[in-house]
Amino acid sequence: MEPNKIFVERFSCRSFIEKEVPQEYIEVVLKAGIWAPSAGNLQPWKFFVIKNKELKEKLVEVAYGQDFISEADFVIVVIALPEESAIKYGDRGRSLYSIQDTAAAVENMLLQGSILGLGSCWVGAFSEEKAKKVLNLKEKEKPVAILPFGFPKEFPPNFRERKPLEKVVKFLR
């Protein structure tokens, strides 16, 4: 038995066509994000949706020149709220759970985008401090991912190498 095809077919898209994504697609992607699991169901996140070209260009600078970010029709910046997790879980909530929770939201949004025929990419290589300034974030808001979305310009081959289960799994009995 194989996993659902969406897990195999989703790819990191770094080139987009110039075509507007319908608002209802954007909202469905965001709803998928809010349905992600989170520790204690605290949902310690915010999602900033960016369509403004100038702001997308600033994100390119923040992300060390990754130009494809500005080519996307819209970008979601995922913000963790570590102090919300810390209220219930202390340091572990602050340093780990809030990051795990936002990562789950990111994956939900990426997969939902793929289901809709959108390309996307999980961008983690960026200056957190510069992103905070560009987005005018509060001290306790932590940007964790930049997600450009749009209709893909091209699709990679269906096969991408993955390590076999035997290399990454250990069954403890």
C-alpha atoms as a PDB file:
ATOM      1  CA  MET A   1       0.000   0.000   0.000  1.00  0.00           C
ATOM      2  CA  GLU A   2       1.253   3.506  -0.810  1.00  0.00           C
ATOM      3  CA  PRO A   3       0.499   6.886   0.812  1.00  0.00           C
ATOM      4  CA  ASN A   4      -2.048   9.175  -0.808  1.00  0.00           C
ATOM      5  CA  LYS A   5      -0.725  10.635  -4.062  1.00  0.00           C
ATOM      6  CA  ILE A   6      -0.785  14.195  -2.690  1.00  0.00           C
ATOM      7  CA  PHE A   7       2.179  13.354  -0.449  1.00  0.00           C
ATOM      8  CA  VAL A   8       4.152  12.037  -3.401  1.00  0.00           C
ATOM      9  CA  GLU A   9       3.140  14.690  -5.942  1.00  0.00           C
ATOM     10  CA  ARG A  10       3.590  17.807  -3.775  1.00  0.00           C
ATOM     11  CA  PHE A  11       6.827  19.597  -4.616  1.00  0.00           C
ATOM     12  CA  SER A  12       8.706  22.781  -3.759  1.00  0.00           C
ATOM     13  CA  CYS A  13       7.618  25.178  -6.489  1.00  0.00           C
ATOM     14  CA  ARG A  14      10.031  27.969  -7.332  1.00  0.00           C
ATOM     15  CA  SER A  15       8.473  29.326 -10.531  1.00  0.00           C
ATOM     16  CA  PHE A  16       4.952  30.605 -10.996  1.00  0.00           C
ATOM     17  CA  ILE A  17       2.831  31.834 -13.903  1.00  0.00           C
ATOM     18  CA  GLU A  18       1.198  35.248 -13.724  1.00  0.00           C
ATOM     19  CA  LYS A  19      -2.325  34.228 -12.827  1.00  0.00           C
ATOM     20  CA  GLU A  20      -4.381  35.401  -9.907  1.00  0.00           C
ATOM     21  CA  VAL A  21      -5.373  32.778  -7.355  1.00  0.00           C
ATOM     22  CA  PRO A  22      -9.086  33.014  -6.482  1.00  0.00           C
ATOM     23  CA  GLN A  23      -9.806  34.415  -3.027  1.00  0.00           C
ATOM     24  CA  GLU A  24     -11.717  31.262  -2.067  1.00  0.00           C
ATOM     25  CA  TYR A  25      -8.550  29.195  -2.716  1.00  0.00           C
ATOM     26  CA  ILE A  26      -6.584  31.450  -0.382  1.00  0.00           C
ATOM     27  CA  GLU A  27      -9.232  31.103   2.307  1.00  0.00           C
ATOM     28  CA  VAL A  28      -9.339  27.298   1.990  1.00  0.00           C
ATOM     29  CA  VAL A  29      -5.533  27.146   2.340  1.00  0.00           C
ATOM     30  CA  LEU A  30      -5.770  29.282   5.484  1.00  0.00           C
ATOM     31  CA  LYS A  31      -8.603  27.166   6.900  1.00  0.00           C
ATOM     32  CA  ALA A  32      -6.463  24.061   6.384  1.00  0.00           C
ATOM     33  CA  GLY A  33      -3.770  25.789   8.442  1.00  0.00           C
ATOM     34  CA  ILE A  34      -6.076  26.544  11.349  1.00  0.00           C
ATOM     35  CA  TRP A  35      -7.204  22.902  11.436  1.00  0.00           C
ATOM     36  CA  ALA A  36      -3.668  21.717  12.170  1.00  0.00           C
ATOM     37  CA  PRO A  37      -3.123  19.972  15.496  1.00  0.00           C
ATOM     38  CA  SER A  38      -1.533  22.016  18.269  1.00  0.00           C
ATOM     39  CA  ALA A  39      -0.386  21.268  21.807  1.00  0.00           C
ATOM     40  CA  GLY A  40      -3.324  21.746  24.145  1.00  0.00           C
ATOM     41  CA  ASN A  41      -5.279  23.083  21.138  1.00  0.00           C
ATOM     42  CA  LEU A  42      -3.701  26.482  21.888  1.00  0.00           C
ATOM     43  CA  GLN A  43      -3.257  27.350  18.184  1.00  0.00           C
ATOM     44  CA  PRO A  44      -0.268  29.650  18.874  1.00  0.00           C
ATOM     45  CA  TRP A  45      -0.051  31.162  15.396  1.00  0.00           C
ATOM     46  CA  LYS A  46      -0.909  34.024  13.087  1.00  0.00           C
ATOM     47  CA  PHE A  47      -0.906  33.949   9.295  1.00  0.00           C
ATOM     48  CA  PHE A  48      -0.026  37.101   7.345  1.00  0.00           C
ATOM     49  CA  VAL A  49      -1.287  37.018   3.736  1.00  0.00           C
ATOM     50  CA  ILE A  50       0.685  39.219   1.373  1.00  0.00           C
ATOM     51  CA  LYS A  51      -0.336  40.115  -2.179  1.00  0.00           C
ATOM     52  CA  ASN A  52       1.371  43.524  -2.356  1.00  0.00           C
ATOM     53  CA  LYS A  53       4.273  43.412  -4.846  1.00  0.00           C
ATOM     54  CA  GLU A  54       6.477  45.841  -2.888  1.00  0.00           C
ATOM     55  CA  LEU A  55       6.087  43.865   0.317  1.00  0.00           C
ATOM     56  CA  LYS A  56       6.838  40.609  -1.517  1.00  0.00           C
ATOM     57  CA  GLU A  57      10.023  42.236  -2.863  1.00  0.00           C
ATOM     58  CA  LYS A  58      11.022  43.128   0.699  1.00  0.00           C
ATOM     59  CA  LEU A  59      10.515  39.479   1.662  1.00  0.00           C
ATOM     60  CA  VAL A  60      12.871  38.486  -1.176  1.00  0.00           C
ATOM     61  CA  GLU A  61      15.550  40.676   0.450  1.00  0.00           C
ATOM     62  CA  VAL A  62      14.808  39.228   3.891  1.00  0.00           C
ATOM     63  CA  ALA A  63      15.072  35.710   2.372  1.00  0.00           C
ATOM     64  CA  TYR A  64      18.567  36.237   0.946  1.00  0.00           C
ATOM     65  CA  GLY A  65      17.457  37.000  -2.612  1.00  0.00           C
ATOM     66  CA  GLN A  66      15.056  34.099  -3.234  1.00  0.00           C
ATOM     67  CA  ASP A  67      13.366  35.863  -6.171  1.00  0.00           C
ATOM     68  CA  PHE A  68      10.608  33.323  -6.692  1.00  0.00           C
ATOM     69  CA  ILE A  69       8.900  34.673  -3.570  1.00  0.00           C
ATOM     70  CA  SER A  70       7.925  37.835  -5.448  1.00  0.00           C
ATOM     71  CA  GLU A  71       6.712  35.807  -8.464  1.00  0.00           C
ATOM     72  CA  ALA A  72       4.053  34.062  -6.365  1.00  0.00           C
ATOM     73  CA  ASP A  73       0.517  35.428  -6.488  1.00  0.00           C
ATOM     74  CA  PHE A  74       0.356  35.485  -2.698  1.00  0.00           C
ATOM     75  CA  VAL A  75       2.630  34.730   0.219  1.00  0.00           C
ATOM     76  CA  ILE A  76       1.693  33.513   3.675  1.00  0.00           C
ATOM     77  CA  VAL A  77       4.108  34.310   6.480  1.00  0.00           C
ATOM     78  CA  VAL A  78       3.527  31.992   9.407  1.00  0.00           C
ATOM     79  CA  ILE A  79       4.073  33.564  12.811  1.00  0.00           C
ATOM     80  CA  ALA A  80       4.541  31.549  16.007  1.00  0.00           C
ATOM     81  CA  LEU A  81       3.346  32.908  19.332  1.00  0.00           C
ATOM     82  CA  PRO A  82       5.727  31.147  21.749  1.00  0.00           C
ATOM     83  CA  GLU A  83       4.424  32.915  24.851  1.00  0.00           C
ATOM     84  CA  GLU A  84       0.930  31.546  24.243  1.00  0.00           C
ATOM     85  CA  SER A  85       2.362  28.022  24.386  1.00  0.00           C
ATOM     86  CA  ALA A  86       4.466  28.925  27.429  1.00  0.00           C
ATOM     87  CA  ILE A  87       1.384  29.836  29.465  1.00  0.00           C
ATOM     88  CA  LYS A  88       0.432  26.164  29.654  1.00  0.00           C
ATOM     89  CA  TYR A  89       3.719  24.374  28.922  1.00  0.00           C
ATOM     90  CA  GLY A  90       6.500  26.665  30.153  1.00  0.00           C
ATOM     91  CA  ASP A  91       9.882  26.637  28.413  1.00  0.00           C
ATOM     92  CA  ARG A  92       9.097  23.492  26.405  1.00  0.00           C
ATOM     93  CA  GLY A  93       5.965  25.171  25.018  1.00  0.00           C
ATOM     94  CA  ARG A  94       7.918  28.323  24.226  1.00  0.00           C
ATOM     95  CA  SER A  95      10.905  26.672  22.548  1.00  0.00           C
ATOM     96  CA  LEU A  96       9.374  23.532  21.010  1.00  0.00           C
ATOM     97  CA  TYR A  97       5.587  23.194  20.956  1.00  0.00           C
ATOM     98  CA  SER A  98       4.922  26.576  19.337  1.00  0.00           C
ATOM     99  CA  ILE A  99       7.362  25.659  16.552  1.00  0.00           C
ATOM    100  CA  GLN A 100       5.925  22.164  16.112  1.00  0.00           C
ATOM    101  CA  ASP A 101       2.413  23.594  16.016  1.00  0.00           C
ATOM    102  CA  THR A 102       3.230  26.141  13.325  1.00  0.00           C
ATOM    103  CA  ALA A 103       5.090  23.461  11.341  1.00  0.00           C
ATOM    104  CA  ALA A 104       1.917  21.351  11.353  1.00  0.00           C
ATOM    105  CA  ALA A 105      -0.076  24.363  10.113  1.00  0.00           C
ATOM    106  CA  VAL A 106       2.497  24.955   7.361  1.00  0.00           C
ATOM    107  CA  GLU A 107       2.264  21.365   6.142  1.00  0.00           C
ATOM    108  CA  ASN A 108      -1.538  21.483   6.117  1.00  0.00           C
ATOM    109  CA  MET A 109      -1.455  24.653   4.010  1.00  0.00           C
ATOM    110  CA  LEU A 110       1.127  23.264   1.573  1.00  0.00           C
ATOM    111  CA  LEU A 111      -0.884  20.079   1.056  1.00  0.00           C
ATOM    112  CA  GLN A 112      -4.177  21.970   0.673  1.00  0.00           C
ATOM    113  CA  GLY A 113      -2.524  24.192  -1.933  1.00  0.00           C
ATOM    114  CA  SER A 114      -1.425  21.120  -3.870  1.00  0.00           C
ATOM    115  CA  ILE A 115      -4.934  19.695  -3.752  1.00  0.00           C
ATOM    116  CA  LEU A 116      -6.126  22.941  -5.378  1.00  0.00           C
ATOM    117  CA  GLY A 117      -3.457  22.742  -8.099  1.00  0.00           C
ATOM    118  CA  LEU A 118      -1.274  25.449  -6.554  1.00  0.00           C
ATOM    119  CA  GLY A 119       2.480  25.344  -6.259  1.00  0.00           C
ATOM    120  CA  SER A 120       4.147  26.393  -3.036  1.00  0.00           C
ATOM    121  CA  CYS A 121       7.451  26.276  -1.217  1.00  0.00           C
ATOM    122  CA  TRP A 122       8.386  26.170   2.460  1.00  0.00           C
ATOM    123  CA  VAL A 123      10.996  28.915   2.847  1.00  0.00           C
ATOM    124  CA  GLY A 124      12.842  28.807   6.144  1.00  0.00           C
ATOM    125  CA  ALA A 125      16.049  30.532   5.034  1.00  0.00           C
ATOM    126  CA  PHE A 126      15.490  34.152   6.001  1.00  0.00           C
ATOM    127  CA  SER A 127      16.595  36.714   8.554  1.00  0.00           C
ATOM    128  CA  GLU A 128      14.140  36.544  11.409  1.00  0.00           C
ATOM    129  CA  GLU A 129      15.058  40.010  12.663  1.00  0.00           C
ATOM    130  CA  LYS A 130      14.668  41.622   9.222  1.00  0.00           C
ATOM    131  CA  ALA A 131      11.363  39.819   8.679  1.00  0.00           C
ATOM    132  CA  LYS A 132      10.103  41.147  12.014  1.00  0.00           C
ATOM    133  CA  LYS A 133      10.928  44.702  10.902  1.00  0.00           C
ATOM    134  CA  VAL A 134       9.394  44.334   7.432  1.00  0.00           C
ATOM    135  CA  LEU A 135       6.189  42.896   8.884  1.00  0.00           C
ATOM    136  CA  ASN A 136       6.161  45.253  11.894  1.00  0.00           C
ATOM    137  CA  LEU A 137       5.874  42.322  14.300  1.00  0.00           C
ATOM    138  CA  LYS A 138       5.641  42.591  18.045  1.00  0.00           C
ATOM    139  CA  GLU A 139       8.519  41.351  20.196  1.00  0.00           C
ATOM    140  CA  LYS A 140       6.734  38.102  21.106  1.00  0.00           C
ATOM    141  CA  GLU A 141       5.794  37.241  17.493  1.00  0.00           C
ATOM    142  CA  LYS A 142       8.259  34.883  15.786  1.00  0.00           C
ATOM    143  CA  PRO A 143       8.248  34.462  11.982  1.00  0.00           C
ATOM    144  CA  VAL A 144       8.920  30.793  11.212  1.00  0.00           C
ATOM    145  CA  ALA A 145       8.063  30.277   7.529  1.00  0.00           C
ATOM    146  CA  ILE A 146       7.501  32.168   4.300  1.00  0.00           C
ATOM    147  CA  LEU A 147       5.130  30.324   1.972  1.00  0.00           C
ATOM    148  CA  PRO A 148       4.812  31.589  -1.610  1.00  0.00           C
ATOM    149  CA  PHE A 149       1.750  30.230  -3.467  1.00  0.00           C
ATOM    150  CA  GLY A 150       0.657  30.419  -7.082  1.00  0.00           C
ATOM    151  CA  PHE A 151      -0.018  28.395 -10.174  1.00  0.00           C
ATOM    152  CA  PRO A 152       3.159  26.484 -11.105  1.00  0.00           C
ATOM    153  CA  LYS A 153       5.072  27.343 -14.252  1.00  0.00           C
ATOM    154  CA  GLU A 154       6.501  23.836 -14.465  1.00  0.00           C
ATOM    155  CA  PHE A 155       6.226  20.486 -12.740  1.00  0.00           C
ATOM    156  CA  PRO A 156       9.159  18.269 -11.755  1.00  0.00           C
ATOM    157  CA  PRO A 157       9.336  14.599 -12.709  1.00  0.00           C
ATOM    158  CA  ASN A 158       7.023  12.445 -10.594  1.00  0.00           C
ATOM    159  CA  PHE A 159       9.900  10.544  -9.053  1.00  0.00           C
ATOM    160  CA  ARG A 160      12.068  12.150  -6.402  1.00  0.00           C
ATOM    161  CA  GLU A 161      14.446  10.022  -4.376  1.00  0.00           C
ATOM    162  CA  ARG A 162      13.411   9.059  -0.859  1.00  0.00           C
ATOM    163  CA  LYS A 163      15.278   6.976   1.658  1.00  0.00           C
ATOM    164  CA  PRO A 164      13.828   3.485   2.078  1.00  0.00           C
ATOM    165  CA  LEU A 165      11.980   2.669   5.301  1.00  0.00           C
ATOM    166  CA  GLU A 166      14.778   0.312   6.339  1.00  0.00           C
ATOM    167  CA  LYS A 167      17.195   3.272   6.549  1.00  0.00           C
ATOM    168  CA  VAL A 168      15.019   5.552   8.663  1.00  0.00           C
ATOM    169  CA  VAL A 169      12.728   3.334  10.731  1.00  0.00           C
ATOM    170  CA  LYS A 170      13.486   1.154  13.724  1.00  0.00           C
ATOM    171  CA  PHE A 171      10.687  -0.997  15.095  1.00  0.00           C
ATOM    172  CA  LEU A 172      11.024  -1.500  18.859  1.00  0.00           C
ATOM    173  CA  ARG A 173       9.217  -4.561  20.075  1.00  0.00           C
END
